[in-house]
């Protein structure tokens, strides 16, 4: 089974872009599907997550919100740990 990591994001969010870039780099070493959802295109997602993005989901379950991945070192560590757990 291939796992899916989803990033809830919106255009212009530099924290979102960093998380997405780090996950794209991790795709080189770990097999998973990466999906990016723009919350500004879904009113219910926007209302729920606009203060929490980026949000990282694993197979539909929220794993990280902005507090856990806002700083580059936390982002790298937490996303790396998440992806390594898929092995």
N, C-alpha and C. Protein backbone atom coordinates (compact mmCIF):
# COMPACT_ATOMS: atom_id res chain seq x y z
N UNK A 1 0.83 -1.18 0.00
CA UNK A 1 0.00 0.00 0.00
C UNK A 1 0.88 1.25 0.00
N UNK A 2 0.59 2.17 -0.88
CA UNK A 2 1.30 3.44 -0.92
C UNK A 2 0.56 4.43 -0.04
N UNK A 3 1.30 5.03 0.86
CA UNK A 3 0.71 6.02 1.75
C UNK A 3 0.58 7.35 1.03
N UNK A 4 -0.38 8.17 1.49
CA UNK A 4 -0.56 9.49 0.91
C UNK A 4 -0.34 10.55 1.99
N UNK A 5 0.56 11.47 1.69
CA UNK A 5 0.78 12.62 2.54
C UNK A 5 0.15 13.82 1.84
N UNK A 6 -0.72 14.51 2.56
CA UNK A 6 -1.43 15.66 2.03
C UNK A 6 -1.01 16.90 2.80
N UNK A 7 -0.77 17.98 2.08
CA UNK A 7 -0.48 19.26 2.71
C UNK A 7 -1.64 20.20 2.41
N UNK A 8 -2.27 20.68 3.47
CA UNK A 8 -3.29 21.71 3.32
C UNK A 8 -2.56 23.04 3.30
N UNK A 9 -2.78 23.80 2.26
CA UNK A 9 -1.97 24.96 1.97
C UNK A 9 -2.84 26.05 1.37
N UNK A 10 -2.22 27.19 1.09
CA UNK A 10 -2.85 28.21 0.26
C UNK A 10 -1.75 29.00 -0.42
N UNK A 11 -2.09 29.60 -1.52
CA UNK A 11 -1.11 30.35 -2.30
C UNK A 11 -0.50 31.47 -1.46
N UNK A 12 0.81 31.61 -1.57
CA UNK A 12 1.51 32.66 -0.87
C UNK A 12 1.94 32.33 0.55
N UNK A 13 1.69 31.12 0.99
CA UNK A 13 2.08 30.71 2.34
C UNK A 13 3.51 30.15 2.28
N UNK A 14 4.47 30.92 2.79
CA UNK A 14 5.87 30.47 2.70
C UNK A 14 6.14 29.25 3.59
N UNK A 15 5.43 29.12 4.70
CA UNK A 15 5.60 27.92 5.54
C UNK A 15 5.09 26.68 4.81
N UNK A 16 4.00 26.84 4.10
CA UNK A 16 3.45 25.74 3.31
C UNK A 16 4.43 25.33 2.21
N UNK A 17 4.97 26.33 1.53
CA UNK A 17 5.92 26.05 0.45
C UNK A 17 7.14 25.30 0.97
N UNK A 18 7.63 25.68 2.15
CA UNK A 18 8.80 24.99 2.72
C UNK A 18 8.45 23.54 3.03
N UNK A 19 7.30 23.29 3.64
CA UNK A 19 6.91 21.91 3.96
C UNK A 19 6.76 21.08 2.69
N UNK A 20 6.15 21.65 1.67
CA UNK A 20 5.97 20.95 0.40
C UNK A 20 7.32 20.64 -0.24
N UNK A 21 8.23 21.61 -0.24
CA UNK A 21 9.56 21.39 -0.80
C UNK A 21 10.31 20.29 -0.05
N UNK A 22 10.23 20.29 1.27
CA UNK A 22 10.91 19.25 2.05
C UNK A 22 10.31 17.87 1.75
N UNK A 23 9.00 17.80 1.63
CA UNK A 23 8.38 16.52 1.30
C UNK A 23 8.76 16.07 -0.10
N UNK A 24 8.85 16.98 -1.03
CA UNK A 24 9.29 16.62 -2.40
C UNK A 24 10.70 16.07 -2.37
N UNK A 25 11.56 16.66 -1.55
CA UNK A 25 12.93 16.13 -1.41
C UNK A 25 12.91 14.72 -0.83
N UNK A 26 12.04 14.48 0.13
CA UNK A 26 11.96 13.15 0.76
C UNK A 26 11.40 12.09 -0.18
N UNK A 27 10.65 12.53 -1.20
CA UNK A 27 10.12 11.59 -2.19
C UNK A 27 11.23 10.83 -2.91
N UNK A 28 12.43 11.41 -2.95
CA UNK A 28 13.55 10.75 -3.62
C UNK A 28 13.97 9.48 -2.89
N UNK A 29 13.73 9.40 -1.58
CA UNK A 29 14.18 8.27 -0.78
C UNK A 29 13.07 7.40 -0.22
N UNK A 30 11.85 7.91 -0.22
CA UNK A 30 10.74 7.18 0.39
C UNK A 30 9.54 7.19 -0.55
N UNK A 31 8.90 6.04 -0.70
CA UNK A 31 7.74 5.99 -1.59
C UNK A 31 6.46 6.43 -0.87
N UNK A 32 5.89 7.52 -1.33
CA UNK A 32 4.57 7.95 -0.86
C UNK A 32 4.00 8.88 -1.93
N UNK A 33 2.69 9.02 -1.91
CA UNK A 33 2.04 9.97 -2.81
C UNK A 33 1.93 11.30 -2.08
N UNK A 34 2.20 12.37 -2.78
CA UNK A 34 2.12 13.71 -2.22
C UNK A 34 0.98 14.46 -2.89
N UNK A 35 0.11 15.00 -2.06
CA UNK A 35 -1.04 15.77 -2.55
C UNK A 35 -1.00 17.13 -1.86
N UNK A 36 -1.28 18.17 -2.61
CA UNK A 36 -1.38 19.52 -2.05
C UNK A 36 -2.80 20.02 -2.30
N UNK A 37 -3.46 20.45 -1.24
CA UNK A 37 -4.82 20.97 -1.36
C UNK A 37 -4.81 22.44 -0.98
N UNK A 38 -5.31 23.27 -1.88
CA UNK A 38 -5.44 24.71 -1.63
C UNK A 38 -6.75 24.95 -0.89
N UNK A 39 -6.64 25.31 0.39
CA UNK A 39 -7.85 25.48 1.20
C UNK A 39 -8.71 26.65 0.76
N UNK A 40 -8.15 27.58 0.01
CA UNK A 40 -8.94 28.73 -0.43
C UNK A 40 -9.97 28.33 -1.49
N UNK A 41 -9.87 27.12 -2.00
CA UNK A 41 -10.82 26.65 -3.00
C UNK A 41 -11.93 25.80 -2.40
N UNK A 42 -11.92 25.63 -1.07
CA UNK A 42 -12.93 24.84 -0.38
C UNK A 42 -13.31 25.59 0.89
N UNK A 43 -14.50 26.16 0.91
CA UNK A 43 -14.92 27.03 2.02
C UNK A 43 -14.88 26.33 3.37
N UNK A 44 -15.27 25.06 3.44
CA UNK A 44 -15.26 24.36 4.73
C UNK A 44 -13.83 24.13 5.22
N UNK A 45 -12.92 23.76 4.32
CA UNK A 45 -11.51 23.61 4.71
C UNK A 45 -10.91 24.96 5.12
N UNK A 46 -11.27 26.01 4.39
CA UNK A 46 -10.75 27.33 4.71
C UNK A 46 -11.16 27.75 6.12
N UNK A 47 -12.44 27.58 6.43
CA UNK A 47 -12.94 27.97 7.76
C UNK A 47 -12.26 27.17 8.87
N UNK A 48 -12.02 25.91 8.62
CA UNK A 48 -11.45 25.04 9.66
C UNK A 48 -9.94 25.24 9.82
N UNK A 49 -9.23 25.49 8.73
CA UNK A 49 -7.76 25.42 8.77
C UNK A 49 -7.02 26.73 8.49
N UNK A 50 -7.71 27.84 8.21
CA UNK A 50 -6.97 29.02 7.74
C UNK A 50 -5.94 29.55 8.73
N UNK A 51 -6.11 29.30 10.02
CA UNK A 51 -5.11 29.73 11.01
C UNK A 51 -4.13 28.62 11.37
N UNK A 52 -4.30 27.44 10.80
CA UNK A 52 -3.49 26.27 11.18
C UNK A 52 -2.51 25.84 10.11
N UNK A 53 -2.61 26.39 8.89
CA UNK A 53 -1.77 25.89 7.80
C UNK A 53 -0.32 26.30 7.97
N UNK A 54 0.59 25.50 7.49
CA UNK A 54 0.35 24.24 6.80
C UNK A 54 -0.09 23.13 7.75
N UNK A 55 -0.97 22.31 7.26
CA UNK A 55 -1.38 21.10 7.96
C UNK A 55 -0.91 19.93 7.11
N UNK A 56 -0.26 18.97 7.76
CA UNK A 56 0.22 17.78 7.07
C UNK A 56 -0.60 16.60 7.54
N UNK A 57 -1.16 15.88 6.59
CA UNK A 57 -1.97 14.69 6.87
C UNK A 57 -1.25 13.45 6.35
N UNK A 58 -1.44 12.37 7.05
CA UNK A 58 -0.98 11.06 6.59
C UNK A 58 -2.21 10.19 6.43
N UNK A 59 -2.46 9.77 5.20
CA UNK A 59 -3.61 8.91 4.90
C UNK A 59 -4.90 9.48 5.48
N UNK A 60 -5.08 10.80 5.34
CA UNK A 60 -6.31 11.45 5.77
C UNK A 60 -6.37 11.90 7.21
N UNK A 61 -5.37 11.56 8.00
CA UNK A 61 -5.35 11.93 9.42
C UNK A 61 -4.37 13.08 9.64
N UNK A 62 -4.86 14.15 10.26
CA UNK A 62 -3.99 15.30 10.55
C UNK A 62 -2.87 14.87 11.48
N UNK A 63 -1.63 15.17 11.08
CA UNK A 63 -0.45 14.82 11.89
C UNK A 63 0.24 16.06 12.45
N UNK A 64 0.37 17.10 11.64
CA UNK A 64 1.07 18.31 12.07
C UNK A 64 0.30 19.54 11.62
N UNK A 65 0.31 20.54 12.50
CA UNK A 65 -0.19 21.87 12.14
C UNK A 65 1.00 22.82 12.22
N UNK A 66 0.75 24.05 11.93
CA UNK A 66 1.82 25.04 11.81
C UNK A 66 2.76 25.05 13.03
N UNK A 67 2.24 24.86 14.24
CA UNK A 67 3.09 24.93 15.42
C UNK A 67 4.22 23.89 15.41
N UNK A 68 3.96 22.74 14.85
CA UNK A 68 4.96 21.66 14.84
C UNK A 68 5.95 21.76 13.69
N UNK A 69 5.65 22.58 12.69
CA UNK A 69 6.53 22.63 11.51
C UNK A 69 6.86 24.04 11.05
N UNK A 70 6.64 25.05 11.88
CA UNK A 70 6.89 26.43 11.48
C UNK A 70 8.38 26.73 11.33
N UNK A 71 9.19 26.22 12.25
CA UNK A 71 10.63 26.48 12.18
C UNK A 71 11.30 25.43 11.30
N UNK A 72 12.29 25.84 10.50
CA UNK A 72 12.92 24.91 9.55
C UNK A 72 13.42 23.63 10.20
N UNK A 73 14.08 23.72 11.35
CA UNK A 73 14.61 22.51 11.97
C UNK A 73 13.49 21.59 12.46
N UNK A 74 12.39 22.15 12.98
CA UNK A 74 11.25 21.33 13.39
C UNK A 74 10.57 20.70 12.18
N UNK A 75 10.45 21.46 11.12
CA UNK A 75 9.83 20.96 9.89
C UNK A 75 10.63 19.77 9.36
N UNK A 76 11.94 19.95 9.25
CA UNK A 76 12.80 18.88 8.72
C UNK A 76 12.72 17.63 9.60
N UNK A 77 12.83 17.82 10.92
CA UNK A 77 12.81 16.69 11.85
C UNK A 77 11.46 15.97 11.84
N UNK A 78 10.38 16.71 11.98
CA UNK A 78 9.06 16.09 12.08
C UNK A 78 8.61 15.45 10.78
N UNK A 79 8.85 16.11 9.66
CA UNK A 79 8.48 15.49 8.38
C UNK A 79 9.37 14.29 8.08
N UNK A 80 10.65 14.38 8.39
CA UNK A 80 11.54 13.24 8.19
C UNK A 80 11.12 12.04 9.02
N UNK A 81 10.77 12.28 10.27
CA UNK A 81 10.31 11.20 11.14
C UNK A 81 9.02 10.58 10.62
N UNK A 82 8.10 11.42 10.16
CA UNK A 82 6.85 10.92 9.60
C UNK A 82 7.09 10.03 8.40
N UNK A 83 7.91 10.49 7.48
CA UNK A 83 8.17 9.73 6.27
C UNK A 83 8.95 8.45 6.58
N UNK A 84 9.91 8.51 7.49
CA UNK A 84 10.65 7.30 7.87
C UNK A 84 9.72 6.25 8.47
N UNK A 85 8.66 6.67 9.14
CA UNK A 85 7.73 5.72 9.77
C UNK A 85 6.94 4.92 8.73
N UNK A 86 7.00 5.33 7.48
CA UNK A 86 6.26 4.63 6.43
C UNK A 86 6.94 3.36 5.97
N UNK A 87 8.18 3.17 6.36
CA UNK A 87 8.91 1.96 5.93
C UNK A 87 8.35 0.72 6.56
